[in-house]
């Protein structure tokens, strides 16, 4: 079987990995909402669990939807590092503004 036939066969199959990834994303999101609003845990525990679930979901989406295992080379690594630092800046900036931004008003 040549490469063209392998690609065609891969396109004809049902995308079970994507469906499972989508369902897991929804489950992790609903679990995060439950932890935030209904669990009754202390604030530090809620924040810790939400961060854990967020990193699990991000990792799962990188593997299943962004195809992080399929590529190689310095371009993909640099893109991942850039995306990671952009996410950290956005989250840290949002927490900073929400924590200290209301004192001036």
Foldseek 3Di string as FASTA:
>chain_A
DDPVVVVVVVVPDDLPLVVVLVVVLVVLVVVLVCLVPPDPDDPVVNVVSNVVSVVVNVVSCCVRPVVLVPDDDDVSVVVVVVVVVVVVCVVVVVVVCVVPVPPVD
